[in-house]
N, C-alpha and C. Protein backbone atom coordinates (compact mmCIF):
# COMPACT_ATOMS: atom_id res chain seq x y z
N MET A 1 133.78 139.40 107.63
CA MET A 1 132.54 139.99 108.11
C MET A 1 131.62 140.34 106.93
N LYS A 2 132.21 140.83 105.82
CA LYS A 2 131.41 141.16 104.66
C LYS A 2 130.76 139.92 104.06
N LYS A 3 131.52 138.80 104.06
CA LYS A 3 130.97 137.57 103.51
C LYS A 3 129.78 137.08 104.33
N ILE A 4 129.88 137.16 105.63
CA ILE A 4 128.79 136.73 106.51
C ILE A 4 127.56 137.60 106.25
N PHE A 5 127.77 138.91 106.18
CA PHE A 5 126.67 139.83 105.91
C PHE A 5 126.02 139.51 104.56
N PHE A 6 126.83 139.27 103.54
CA PHE A 6 126.33 138.94 102.20
C PHE A 6 125.52 137.65 102.23
N VAL A 7 125.99 136.64 102.93
CA VAL A 7 125.29 135.35 103.03
C VAL A 7 123.94 135.55 103.73
N ILE A 8 123.92 136.32 104.80
CA ILE A 8 122.68 136.58 105.52
C ILE A 8 121.68 137.31 104.62
N VAL A 9 122.13 138.32 103.91
CA VAL A 9 121.25 139.07 103.00
C VAL A 9 120.72 138.15 101.90
N LEU A 10 121.57 137.30 101.37
CA LEU A 10 121.16 136.37 100.32
C LEU A 10 120.11 135.39 100.84
N ILE A 11 120.29 134.87 102.04
CA ILE A 11 119.34 133.93 102.63
C ILE A 11 117.99 134.61 102.85
N VAL A 12 118.02 135.82 103.38
CA VAL A 12 116.77 136.57 103.60
C VAL A 12 116.07 136.83 102.27
N PHE A 13 116.82 137.20 101.24
CA PHE A 13 116.24 137.46 99.93
C PHE A 13 115.60 136.20 99.35
N LEU A 14 116.32 135.08 99.41
CA LEU A 14 115.79 133.83 98.85
C LEU A 14 114.59 133.33 99.63
N ALA A 15 114.60 133.52 100.94
CA ALA A 15 113.46 133.10 101.76
C ALA A 15 112.22 133.92 101.43
N GLY A 16 112.41 135.17 101.08
CA GLY A 16 111.29 136.04 100.74
C GLY A 16 110.83 135.90 99.31
N CYS A 17 111.54 135.15 98.50
CA CYS A 17 111.21 134.98 97.09
C CYS A 17 110.09 133.96 96.98
N THR A 18 108.86 134.43 96.82
CA THR A 18 107.72 133.51 96.83
C THR A 18 107.03 133.41 95.47
N SER A 19 107.48 134.13 94.49
CA SER A 19 106.82 134.09 93.19
C SER A 19 107.33 132.94 92.33
N LYS A 20 106.41 132.32 91.63
CA LYS A 20 106.71 131.21 90.72
C LYS A 20 105.95 131.44 89.42
N PRO A 21 106.39 130.84 88.32
CA PRO A 21 105.61 130.93 87.08
C PRO A 21 104.21 130.33 87.31
N MET A 22 103.20 130.99 86.78
CA MET A 22 101.82 130.57 86.99
C MET A 22 101.52 129.28 86.22
N ILE A 23 100.95 128.31 86.93
CA ILE A 23 100.50 127.06 86.30
C ILE A 23 99.23 127.35 85.52
N LYS A 24 99.15 126.77 84.32
CA LYS A 24 97.95 126.92 83.50
C LYS A 24 97.40 125.54 83.20
N ILE A 25 96.12 125.37 83.46
CA ILE A 25 95.42 124.12 83.17
C ILE A 25 94.56 124.40 81.93
N TYR A 26 94.89 123.75 80.82
CA TYR A 26 94.20 124.07 79.57
C TYR A 26 93.78 122.80 78.84
N ASP A 27 92.50 122.72 78.53
CA ASP A 27 91.93 121.62 77.74
C ASP A 27 92.31 120.23 78.27
N GLU A 28 92.11 120.04 79.56
CA GLU A 28 92.35 118.73 80.16
C GLU A 28 91.23 117.78 79.74
N PRO A 29 91.58 116.60 79.24
CA PRO A 29 90.54 115.68 78.76
C PRO A 29 89.70 115.11 79.90
N ILE A 30 88.43 114.90 79.60
CA ILE A 30 87.50 114.24 80.51
C ILE A 30 87.26 112.86 79.94
N SER A 31 87.50 111.84 80.75
CA SER A 31 87.40 110.46 80.25
C SER A 31 85.97 110.12 79.86
N SER A 32 85.86 109.18 78.96
CA SER A 32 84.55 108.68 78.53
C SER A 32 84.02 107.70 79.56
N PRO A 33 82.72 107.63 79.70
CA PRO A 33 82.17 106.70 80.70
C PRO A 33 82.43 105.25 80.34
N ILE A 34 82.77 104.48 81.35
CA ILE A 34 82.95 103.04 81.17
C ILE A 34 81.68 102.34 81.65
N LYS A 35 81.19 102.79 82.79
CA LYS A 35 80.01 102.17 83.39
C LYS A 35 79.31 103.24 84.22
N GLY A 36 78.04 103.10 84.41
CA GLY A 36 77.33 104.01 85.29
C GLY A 36 76.72 105.17 84.55
N GLU A 37 76.85 106.34 85.11
CA GLU A 37 76.19 107.54 84.62
C GLU A 37 76.58 107.87 83.18
N GLN A 38 75.59 108.29 82.41
CA GLN A 38 75.83 108.76 81.05
C GLN A 38 76.47 110.15 81.14
N LYS A 39 77.52 110.37 80.37
CA LYS A 39 78.19 111.67 80.41
C LYS A 39 77.31 112.70 79.72
N SER A 40 77.12 113.83 80.40
CA SER A 40 76.34 114.92 79.85
C SER A 40 76.92 116.24 80.35
N PHE A 41 76.47 117.32 79.75
CA PHE A 41 76.90 118.64 80.19
C PHE A 41 76.60 118.83 81.67
N GLU A 42 75.42 118.38 82.10
CA GLU A 42 74.99 118.54 83.49
C GLU A 42 75.85 117.72 84.44
N SER A 43 76.17 116.48 84.04
CA SER A 43 76.97 115.64 84.94
C SER A 43 78.40 116.15 85.05
N VAL A 44 78.95 116.70 83.97
CA VAL A 44 80.29 117.30 84.03
C VAL A 44 80.25 118.52 84.94
N SER A 45 79.23 119.34 84.77
CA SER A 45 79.08 120.53 85.62
C SER A 45 79.00 120.15 87.09
N GLU A 46 78.19 119.13 87.41
CA GLU A 46 78.05 118.68 88.80
C GLU A 46 79.37 118.18 89.36
N ALA A 47 80.12 117.45 88.56
CA ALA A 47 81.42 116.93 89.01
C ALA A 47 82.39 118.08 89.29
N ILE A 48 82.42 119.07 88.41
CA ILE A 48 83.31 120.23 88.61
C ILE A 48 82.90 121.00 89.85
N MET A 49 81.60 121.24 90.02
CA MET A 49 81.11 121.96 91.21
C MET A 49 81.49 121.20 92.48
N SER A 50 81.29 119.89 92.48
CA SER A 50 81.60 119.07 93.64
C SER A 50 83.10 119.07 93.94
N GLY A 51 83.92 118.90 92.91
CA GLY A 51 85.37 118.91 93.10
C GLY A 51 85.86 120.23 93.64
N ALA A 52 85.31 121.32 93.12
CA ALA A 52 85.70 122.66 93.61
C ALA A 52 85.34 122.82 95.08
N GLN A 53 84.12 122.43 95.44
CA GLN A 53 83.70 122.54 96.84
C GLN A 53 84.58 121.70 97.77
N LYS A 54 84.85 120.47 97.36
CA LYS A 54 85.64 119.57 98.20
C LYS A 54 87.09 120.04 98.36
N SER A 55 87.58 120.86 97.42
CA SER A 55 88.95 121.36 97.53
C SER A 55 89.01 122.72 98.22
N GLY A 56 87.87 123.21 98.72
CA GLY A 56 87.86 124.44 99.50
C GLY A 56 87.47 125.69 98.72
N TRP A 57 87.16 125.55 97.45
CA TRP A 57 86.75 126.69 96.63
C TRP A 57 85.23 126.85 96.72
N VAL A 58 84.75 128.06 96.39
CA VAL A 58 83.32 128.33 96.33
C VAL A 58 82.96 128.50 94.85
N PRO A 59 82.35 127.45 94.26
CA PRO A 59 82.01 127.53 92.84
C PRO A 59 80.65 128.18 92.61
N THR A 60 80.53 128.86 91.49
CA THR A 60 79.27 129.47 91.08
C THR A 60 79.01 129.09 89.63
N TYR A 61 77.85 128.53 89.40
CA TYR A 61 77.45 128.19 88.03
C TYR A 61 77.07 129.49 87.33
N ILE A 62 77.77 129.82 86.25
CA ILE A 62 77.52 131.06 85.51
C ILE A 62 76.55 130.80 84.36
N LYS A 63 76.85 129.82 83.54
CA LYS A 63 76.00 129.41 82.42
C LYS A 63 76.53 128.08 81.92
N PRO A 64 75.80 127.40 81.05
CA PRO A 64 76.32 126.13 80.54
C PRO A 64 77.72 126.31 79.95
N GLY A 65 78.66 125.54 80.46
CA GLY A 65 80.03 125.60 79.98
C GLY A 65 80.95 126.52 80.76
N ILE A 66 80.42 127.24 81.75
CA ILE A 66 81.25 128.16 82.55
C ILE A 66 80.89 128.08 84.03
N ILE A 67 81.89 127.79 84.84
CA ILE A 67 81.78 127.85 86.29
C ILE A 67 82.87 128.78 86.78
N GLU A 68 82.53 129.63 87.72
CA GLU A 68 83.51 130.51 88.34
C GLU A 68 83.76 129.98 89.74
N ALA A 69 84.99 130.05 90.21
CA ALA A 69 85.31 129.57 91.56
C ALA A 69 86.15 130.61 92.28
N ASN A 70 85.84 130.81 93.55
CA ASN A 70 86.55 131.77 94.39
C ASN A 70 87.16 131.06 95.58
N LEU A 71 88.31 131.56 96.00
CA LEU A 71 89.00 131.03 97.17
C LEU A 71 89.45 132.19 98.02
N LEU A 72 89.19 132.11 99.32
CA LEU A 72 89.64 133.12 100.28
C LEU A 72 90.36 132.39 101.40
N ILE A 73 91.67 132.66 101.51
CA ILE A 73 92.48 132.08 102.58
C ILE A 73 93.29 133.21 103.19
N LYS A 74 93.01 133.48 104.46
CA LYS A 74 93.65 134.59 105.16
C LYS A 74 93.47 135.86 104.36
N GLU A 75 94.56 136.51 103.98
CA GLU A 75 94.46 137.77 103.23
C GLU A 75 94.48 137.55 101.72
N PHE A 76 94.51 136.30 101.29
CA PHE A 76 94.60 135.99 99.86
C PHE A 76 93.21 135.72 99.27
N ARG A 77 92.98 136.26 98.07
CA ARG A 77 91.74 136.01 97.32
C ARG A 77 92.12 135.62 95.90
N VAL A 78 91.41 134.62 95.38
CA VAL A 78 91.65 134.18 94.01
C VAL A 78 90.30 133.91 93.35
N LYS A 79 90.19 134.30 92.09
CA LYS A 79 89.00 133.99 91.30
C LYS A 79 89.47 133.36 90.00
N VAL A 80 88.88 132.20 89.66
CA VAL A 80 89.19 131.52 88.41
C VAL A 80 87.90 131.22 87.67
N GLU A 81 88.05 131.00 86.38
CA GLU A 81 86.94 130.57 85.54
C GLU A 81 87.26 129.15 85.08
N ILE A 82 86.25 128.30 85.09
CA ILE A 82 86.43 126.91 84.66
C ILE A 82 85.49 126.66 83.47
N PRO A 83 86.00 126.89 82.26
CA PRO A 83 85.19 126.56 81.08
C PRO A 83 85.29 125.06 80.83
N TYR A 84 84.17 124.47 80.35
CA TYR A 84 84.16 123.03 80.14
C TYR A 84 83.21 122.64 79.01
N THR A 85 83.47 121.47 78.47
CA THR A 85 82.58 120.81 77.53
C THR A 85 82.39 119.40 78.09
N ILE A 86 81.77 118.51 77.35
CA ILE A 86 81.67 117.14 77.86
C ILE A 86 82.97 116.37 77.66
N ASP A 87 83.92 116.98 76.94
CA ASP A 87 85.18 116.30 76.64
C ASP A 87 86.42 116.88 77.32
N LYS A 88 86.35 118.15 77.78
CA LYS A 88 87.54 118.78 78.36
C LYS A 88 87.16 119.95 79.26
N PHE A 89 88.14 120.35 80.09
CA PHE A 89 87.95 121.54 80.92
C PHE A 89 89.29 122.26 81.10
N SER A 90 89.19 123.53 81.45
CA SER A 90 90.37 124.36 81.72
C SER A 90 90.15 125.10 83.04
N ILE A 91 91.21 125.63 83.59
CA ILE A 91 91.11 126.51 84.76
C ILE A 91 91.87 127.78 84.40
N ASN A 92 91.14 128.88 84.29
CA ASN A 92 91.73 130.15 83.85
C ASN A 92 91.73 131.18 84.98
N TYR A 93 92.87 131.78 85.19
CA TYR A 93 93.01 132.86 86.17
C TYR A 93 92.15 134.04 85.75
N ILE A 94 91.41 134.62 86.71
CA ILE A 94 90.67 135.86 86.46
C ILE A 94 91.29 137.00 87.25
N SER A 95 91.41 136.80 88.59
CA SER A 95 91.95 137.88 89.42
C SER A 95 92.43 137.32 90.75
N SER A 96 93.18 138.16 91.47
CA SER A 96 93.66 137.78 92.79
C SER A 96 93.98 139.03 93.59
N GLU A 97 94.06 138.84 94.89
CA GLU A 97 94.49 139.91 95.80
C GLU A 97 95.62 139.37 96.67
N ASN A 98 96.65 140.17 96.82
CA ASN A 98 97.80 139.87 97.68
C ASN A 98 98.62 138.68 97.22
N LEU A 99 98.60 138.37 95.94
CA LEU A 99 99.40 137.26 95.41
C LEU A 99 100.48 137.74 94.45
N ASP A 100 100.66 139.04 94.33
CA ASP A 100 101.76 139.64 93.54
C ASP A 100 101.82 139.14 92.11
N TYR A 101 100.68 139.01 91.46
CA TYR A 101 100.66 138.57 90.07
C TYR A 101 101.18 139.68 89.17
N ASP A 102 102.16 139.35 88.31
CA ASP A 102 102.76 140.36 87.43
C ASP A 102 102.57 140.05 85.95
N GLY A 103 101.66 139.14 85.65
CA GLY A 103 101.44 138.75 84.26
C GLY A 103 102.10 137.44 83.89
N LYS A 104 103.11 137.04 84.64
CA LYS A 104 103.81 135.77 84.39
C LYS A 104 104.00 134.97 85.67
N THR A 105 104.38 135.65 86.75
CA THR A 105 104.62 134.94 88.01
C THR A 105 103.57 135.36 89.04
N ILE A 106 103.41 134.47 90.02
CA ILE A 106 102.43 134.70 91.07
C ILE A 106 102.93 133.98 92.32
N HIS A 107 102.40 134.35 93.47
CA HIS A 107 102.77 133.71 94.74
C HIS A 107 102.64 132.19 94.60
N ARG A 108 103.60 131.47 95.13
CA ARG A 108 103.64 130.01 94.95
C ARG A 108 102.39 129.30 95.48
N ASN A 109 101.71 129.89 96.44
CA ASN A 109 100.50 129.25 96.97
C ASN A 109 99.41 129.12 95.90
N TYR A 110 99.36 130.05 94.96
CA TYR A 110 98.37 129.97 93.88
C TYR A 110 98.50 128.63 93.16
N ASN A 111 99.71 128.26 92.80
CA ASN A 111 99.92 127.00 92.09
C ASN A 111 99.47 125.80 92.92
N ARG A 112 99.73 125.84 94.21
CA ARG A 112 99.29 124.75 95.09
C ARG A 112 97.77 124.64 95.09
N TRP A 113 97.10 125.79 95.19
CA TRP A 113 95.64 125.80 95.23
C TRP A 113 95.04 125.33 93.91
N ILE A 114 95.66 125.72 92.80
CA ILE A 114 95.16 125.31 91.48
C ILE A 114 95.37 123.82 91.28
N ILE A 115 96.51 123.30 91.69
CA ILE A 115 96.76 121.86 91.57
C ILE A 115 95.76 121.08 92.41
N LYS A 116 95.48 121.55 93.62
CA LYS A 116 94.50 120.89 94.48
C LYS A 116 93.12 120.93 93.82
N LEU A 117 92.72 122.07 93.30
CA LEU A 117 91.43 122.20 92.61
C LEU A 117 91.37 121.22 91.44
N TYR A 118 92.41 121.20 90.63
CA TYR A 118 92.48 120.30 89.47
C TYR A 118 92.34 118.83 89.90
N ARG A 119 93.06 118.44 90.93
CA ARG A 119 93.03 117.05 91.39
C ARG A 119 91.64 116.65 91.89
N TYR A 120 91.00 117.53 92.65
CA TYR A 120 89.67 117.21 93.16
C TYR A 120 88.64 117.13 92.04
N ILE A 121 88.76 118.00 91.05
CA ILE A 121 87.86 117.91 89.89
C ILE A 121 88.08 116.58 89.17
N GLN A 122 89.34 116.21 88.96
CA GLN A 122 89.65 114.94 88.30
C GLN A 122 89.10 113.75 89.10
N ILE A 123 89.23 113.80 90.41
CA ILE A 123 88.70 112.72 91.26
C ILE A 123 87.19 112.59 91.06
N GLU A 124 86.48 113.71 91.08
CA GLU A 124 85.03 113.67 90.90
C GLU A 124 84.65 113.16 89.51
N LEU A 125 85.35 113.61 88.50
CA LEU A 125 85.07 113.13 87.14
C LEU A 125 85.36 111.63 87.02
N ASN A 126 86.47 111.19 87.58
CA ASN A 126 86.83 109.77 87.53
C ASN A 126 85.82 108.91 88.31
N ASN A 127 85.36 109.42 89.45
CA ASN A 127 84.36 108.68 90.24
C ASN A 127 83.07 108.50 89.46
N ARG A 128 82.71 109.49 88.66
CA ARG A 128 81.46 109.41 87.88
C ARG A 128 81.59 108.51 86.66
N TYR A 129 82.73 108.57 86.00
CA TYR A 129 82.84 107.94 84.68
C TYR A 129 83.68 106.69 84.64
N ASN A 130 84.38 106.37 85.70
CA ASN A 130 85.26 105.20 85.66
C ASN A 130 84.95 104.20 86.76
N GLU A 131 83.70 104.12 87.17
CA GLU A 131 83.32 103.14 88.18
C GLU A 131 83.42 101.74 87.59
N ASN A 132 83.88 100.83 88.39
CA ASN A 132 83.96 99.44 87.92
C ASN A 132 82.92 98.58 88.62
């Protein structure tokens, strides 16, 4: 009986364990144009804004080289900063609500949302600079 109780407690504990190490996107390269649009600060900014919007985030242009993006899903809120140049970009955590961030780990959904944001930004950048 004790073993069954222990197994049930362990399963409940593991099921409730939702924190994961926070993913960090740092200095991701932006490809050089092959054909089409000339790469510029403005075109990189537009691609990042578009990718953020398409992935469900609300981006705000702060100043050249800085975009802030917010995400609200149910009771979860996340704010990130996306610094960029014409050659690279990063996604930096600013704040969150209800994601149990402790300085190293955060709710696993954060990582999913950041990966989705990253992928959509990459898609927009690739669409602009790698058209054949």
